[in-house]
């Protein structure tokens, strides 16, 4: 709502699909930063469908280009060097 009320976008709360498209790249990078900094972060208001689609795309690309990845299919408990 802050983006809408501050006039940083002309989208409205009724523009769900457009809001997801607009916000997801920002939220995704916030998540990555929190992971890198070993911080806790609570994200609200994102559809599971968009997260799953995005993750499936990243997995497909990682496999295609033989990039190391961590597949989390249960609890999110990993210990990696960033």
N, C-alpha and C. Protein backbone atom coordinates (compact mmCIF):
# COMPACT_ATOMS: atom_id res chain seq x y z
N UNK A 1 0.82 -1.19 0.00
CA UNK A 1 0.00 0.00 0.00
C UNK A 1 0.86 1.26 0.00
N UNK A 2 2.03 1.19 0.59
CA UNK A 2 2.89 2.36 0.63
C UNK A 2 3.27 2.84 -0.76
N UNK A 3 3.55 1.90 -1.67
CA UNK A 3 3.88 2.30 -3.04
C UNK A 3 2.69 2.97 -3.73
N UNK A 4 1.52 2.45 -3.48
CA UNK A 4 0.31 3.01 -4.09
C UNK A 4 -0.01 4.38 -3.51
N UNK A 5 -0.01 4.49 -2.21
CA UNK A 5 -0.35 5.77 -1.56
C UNK A 5 0.69 6.85 -1.82
N UNK A 6 1.93 6.45 -2.05
CA UNK A 6 2.99 7.44 -2.30
C UNK A 6 3.07 7.85 -3.76
N UNK A 7 2.22 7.28 -4.58
CA UNK A 7 2.18 7.57 -6.02
C UNK A 7 3.43 7.13 -6.77
N UNK A 8 4.13 6.12 -6.25
CA UNK A 8 5.26 5.55 -6.99
C UNK A 8 4.77 4.65 -8.10
N UNK A 9 3.50 4.31 -8.09
CA UNK A 9 2.88 3.51 -9.14
C UNK A 9 1.43 3.95 -9.27
N UNK A 10 0.89 3.75 -10.44
CA UNK A 10 -0.52 4.07 -10.67
C UNK A 10 -1.39 2.82 -10.50
N UNK A 11 -0.77 1.71 -10.11
CA UNK A 11 -1.53 0.49 -9.87
C UNK A 11 -2.41 0.66 -8.63
N UNK A 12 -3.45 -0.14 -8.53
CA UNK A 12 -4.35 -0.11 -7.39
C UNK A 12 -4.36 -1.49 -6.73
N UNK A 13 -4.94 -1.60 -5.52
CA UNK A 13 -5.03 -2.92 -4.88
C UNK A 13 -5.82 -3.94 -5.70
N UNK A 14 -6.60 -3.49 -6.64
CA UNK A 14 -7.38 -4.41 -7.48
C UNK A 14 -6.54 -4.98 -8.63
N UNK A 15 -5.35 -4.45 -8.85
CA UNK A 15 -4.46 -4.90 -9.93
C UNK A 15 -3.53 -6.00 -9.45
N UNK A 16 -4.08 -7.06 -8.88
CA UNK A 16 -3.26 -8.11 -8.28
C UNK A 16 -2.15 -8.63 -9.18
N UNK A 17 -2.52 -9.07 -10.39
CA UNK A 17 -1.51 -9.66 -11.27
C UNK A 17 -0.42 -8.65 -11.63
N UNK A 18 -0.81 -7.42 -11.89
CA UNK A 18 0.16 -6.39 -12.25
C UNK A 18 1.04 -6.03 -11.05
N UNK A 19 0.44 -6.03 -9.85
CA UNK A 19 1.22 -5.73 -8.65
C UNK A 19 2.26 -6.81 -8.39
N UNK A 20 1.87 -8.06 -8.59
CA UNK A 20 2.82 -9.16 -8.40
C UNK A 20 3.97 -9.02 -9.38
N UNK A 21 3.66 -8.75 -10.63
CA UNK A 21 4.69 -8.57 -11.66
C UNK A 21 5.61 -7.40 -11.32
N UNK A 22 5.04 -6.34 -10.77
CA UNK A 22 5.79 -5.14 -10.41
C UNK A 22 6.67 -5.36 -9.18
N UNK A 23 6.12 -6.06 -8.17
CA UNK A 23 6.81 -6.19 -6.90
C UNK A 23 7.74 -7.40 -6.78
N UNK A 24 7.45 -8.48 -7.51
CA UNK A 24 8.21 -9.72 -7.30
C UNK A 24 9.71 -9.54 -7.49
N UNK A 25 10.20 -8.86 -8.52
CA UNK A 25 11.66 -8.71 -8.64
C UNK A 25 12.28 -8.00 -7.43
N UNK A 26 11.57 -7.06 -6.85
CA UNK A 26 12.07 -6.34 -5.67
C UNK A 26 12.08 -7.26 -4.46
N UNK A 27 10.97 -7.96 -4.26
CA UNK A 27 10.85 -8.87 -3.11
C UNK A 27 11.87 -10.00 -3.22
N UNK A 28 12.05 -10.53 -4.42
CA UNK A 28 13.01 -11.62 -4.64
C UNK A 28 14.41 -11.20 -4.20
N UNK A 29 14.83 -9.99 -4.56
CA UNK A 29 16.16 -9.52 -4.18
C UNK A 29 16.25 -9.23 -2.68
N UNK A 30 15.14 -8.81 -2.07
CA UNK A 30 15.13 -8.62 -0.62
C UNK A 30 15.34 -9.97 0.08
N UNK A 31 14.72 -11.01 -0.45
CA UNK A 31 14.88 -12.36 0.11
C UNK A 31 16.33 -12.81 -0.01
N UNK A 32 16.91 -12.62 -1.19
CA UNK A 32 18.31 -13.01 -1.39
C UNK A 32 19.23 -12.28 -0.42
N UNK A 33 18.99 -10.99 -0.24
CA UNK A 33 19.83 -10.20 0.67
C UNK A 33 19.70 -10.70 2.10
N UNK A 34 18.48 -11.02 2.52
CA UNK A 34 18.28 -11.53 3.88
C UNK A 34 19.01 -12.86 4.06
N UNK A 35 18.97 -13.71 3.05
CA UNK A 35 19.68 -15.00 3.14
C UNK A 35 21.19 -14.76 3.23
N UNK A 36 21.72 -13.89 2.37
CA UNK A 36 23.15 -13.60 2.38
C UNK A 36 23.60 -13.03 3.72
N UNK A 37 22.77 -12.21 4.33
CA UNK A 37 23.12 -11.58 5.60
C UNK A 37 22.69 -12.41 6.82
N UNK A 38 22.19 -13.62 6.54
CA UNK A 38 21.74 -14.53 7.60
C UNK A 38 20.73 -13.84 8.52
N UNK A 39 19.79 -13.14 7.91
CA UNK A 39 18.75 -12.42 8.65
C UNK A 39 17.42 -13.15 8.51
N UNK A 40 16.54 -12.91 9.44
CA UNK A 40 15.18 -13.41 9.34
C UNK A 40 14.35 -12.38 8.60
N UNK A 41 13.43 -12.85 7.80
CA UNK A 41 12.58 -11.95 7.02
C UNK A 41 11.23 -12.60 6.84
N UNK A 42 10.19 -11.87 7.11
CA UNK A 42 8.83 -12.37 6.90
C UNK A 42 8.26 -11.63 5.70
N UNK A 43 7.84 -12.39 4.71
CA UNK A 43 7.23 -11.82 3.51
C UNK A 43 5.75 -12.19 3.52
N UNK A 44 4.93 -11.19 3.41
CA UNK A 44 3.49 -11.42 3.33
C UNK A 44 3.01 -10.96 1.96
N UNK A 45 1.91 -11.51 1.54
CA UNK A 45 1.26 -11.13 0.30
C UNK A 45 2.09 -11.48 -0.92
N UNK A 46 2.37 -12.72 -1.08
CA UNK A 46 2.86 -13.19 -2.36
C UNK A 46 2.16 -14.52 -2.61
N UNK A 47 1.78 -14.74 -3.84
CA UNK A 47 1.06 -15.96 -4.14
C UNK A 47 2.04 -17.12 -4.26
N UNK A 48 1.65 -18.25 -3.77
CA UNK A 48 2.49 -19.43 -3.85
C UNK A 48 2.70 -19.82 -5.31
N UNK A 49 1.71 -19.57 -6.13
CA UNK A 49 1.81 -19.91 -7.55
C UNK A 49 2.98 -19.16 -8.21
N UNK A 50 3.09 -17.87 -7.94
CA UNK A 50 4.18 -17.09 -8.56
C UNK A 50 5.54 -17.53 -8.02
N UNK A 51 5.61 -17.86 -6.75
CA UNK A 51 6.87 -18.33 -6.16
C UNK A 51 7.28 -19.67 -6.78
N UNK A 52 6.33 -20.58 -6.92
CA UNK A 52 6.63 -21.89 -7.48
C UNK A 52 7.06 -21.78 -8.95
N UNK A 53 6.38 -20.93 -9.71
CA UNK A 53 6.74 -20.74 -11.11
C UNK A 53 8.15 -20.16 -11.23
N UNK A 54 8.44 -19.17 -10.42
CA UNK A 54 9.76 -18.53 -10.44
C UNK A 54 10.84 -19.54 -10.05
N UNK A 55 10.59 -20.30 -9.00
CA UNK A 55 11.56 -21.30 -8.56
C UNK A 55 11.78 -22.38 -9.62
N UNK A 56 10.70 -22.80 -10.27
CA UNK A 56 10.82 -23.81 -11.32
C UNK A 56 11.68 -23.29 -12.47
N UNK A 57 11.51 -22.02 -12.81
CA UNK A 57 12.31 -21.42 -13.87
C UNK A 57 13.79 -21.37 -13.47
N UNK A 58 14.08 -20.96 -12.24
CA UNK A 58 15.46 -20.90 -11.78
C UNK A 58 16.10 -22.29 -11.74
N UNK A 59 15.35 -23.30 -11.30
CA UNK A 59 15.87 -24.66 -11.25
C UNK A 59 16.20 -25.16 -12.66
N UNK A 60 15.30 -24.90 -13.59
CA UNK A 60 15.51 -25.32 -14.97
C UNK A 60 16.77 -24.68 -15.55
N UNK A 61 16.96 -23.40 -15.30
CA UNK A 61 18.15 -22.71 -15.80
C UNK A 61 19.42 -23.20 -15.11
N UNK A 62 19.35 -23.46 -13.81
CA UNK A 62 20.52 -23.96 -13.09
C UNK A 62 20.95 -25.31 -13.64
N UNK A 63 19.98 -26.17 -13.90
CA UNK A 63 20.30 -27.49 -14.45
C UNK A 63 20.83 -27.37 -15.88
N UNK A 64 20.23 -26.48 -16.67
CA UNK A 64 20.65 -26.28 -18.06
C UNK A 64 22.10 -25.83 -18.14
N UNK A 65 22.49 -24.90 -17.25
CA UNK A 65 23.83 -24.34 -17.30
C UNK A 65 24.78 -24.97 -16.28
N UNK A 66 24.36 -26.08 -15.69
CA UNK A 66 25.18 -26.84 -14.75
C UNK A 66 25.69 -25.97 -13.59
N UNK A 67 24.78 -25.20 -13.01
CA UNK A 67 25.09 -24.32 -11.89
C UNK A 67 24.73 -25.03 -10.59
N UNK A 68 25.57 -24.89 -9.58
CA UNK A 68 25.26 -25.49 -8.29
C UNK A 68 24.04 -24.79 -7.69
N UNK A 69 23.19 -25.56 -7.06
CA UNK A 69 22.00 -25.01 -6.42
C UNK A 69 21.65 -25.84 -5.20
N UNK A 70 20.86 -25.27 -4.32
CA UNK A 70 20.35 -25.98 -3.16
C UNK A 70 18.84 -26.12 -3.34
N UNK A 71 18.37 -27.34 -3.46
CA UNK A 71 16.95 -27.60 -3.62
C UNK A 71 16.34 -27.82 -2.24
N UNK A 72 15.41 -26.97 -1.88
CA UNK A 72 14.75 -27.08 -0.58
C UNK A 72 13.35 -27.60 -0.84
N UNK A 73 13.10 -28.84 -0.48
CA UNK A 73 11.78 -29.42 -0.72
C UNK A 73 11.08 -29.81 0.58
N UNK A 74 11.63 -29.37 1.69
CA UNK A 74 11.00 -29.63 2.99
C UNK A 74 11.28 -28.43 3.88
N UNK A 75 11.97 -28.61 4.97
CA UNK A 75 12.30 -27.51 5.87
C UNK A 75 13.46 -26.71 5.30
N UNK A 76 13.48 -25.42 5.59
CA UNK A 76 14.55 -24.56 5.11
C UNK A 76 15.64 -24.51 6.18
N UNK A 77 16.48 -25.53 6.17
CA UNK A 77 17.58 -25.61 7.12
C UNK A 77 18.84 -26.00 6.34
N UNK A 78 19.61 -25.00 5.94
CA UNK A 78 20.84 -25.28 5.20
C UNK A 78 21.99 -24.50 5.82
N UNK A 79 23.19 -24.99 5.58
CA UNK A 79 24.39 -24.31 6.05
C UNK A 79 25.34 -24.22 4.86
N UNK A 80 25.39 -23.03 4.24
CA UNK A 80 26.24 -22.85 3.07
C UNK A 80 27.12 -21.64 3.27
N UNK A 81 28.27 -21.65 2.62
CA UNK A 81 29.16 -20.50 2.62
C UNK A 81 28.72 -19.57 1.51
N UNK A 82 28.41 -18.34 1.87
CA UNK A 82 27.99 -17.37 0.85
C UNK A 82 29.14 -16.46 0.49
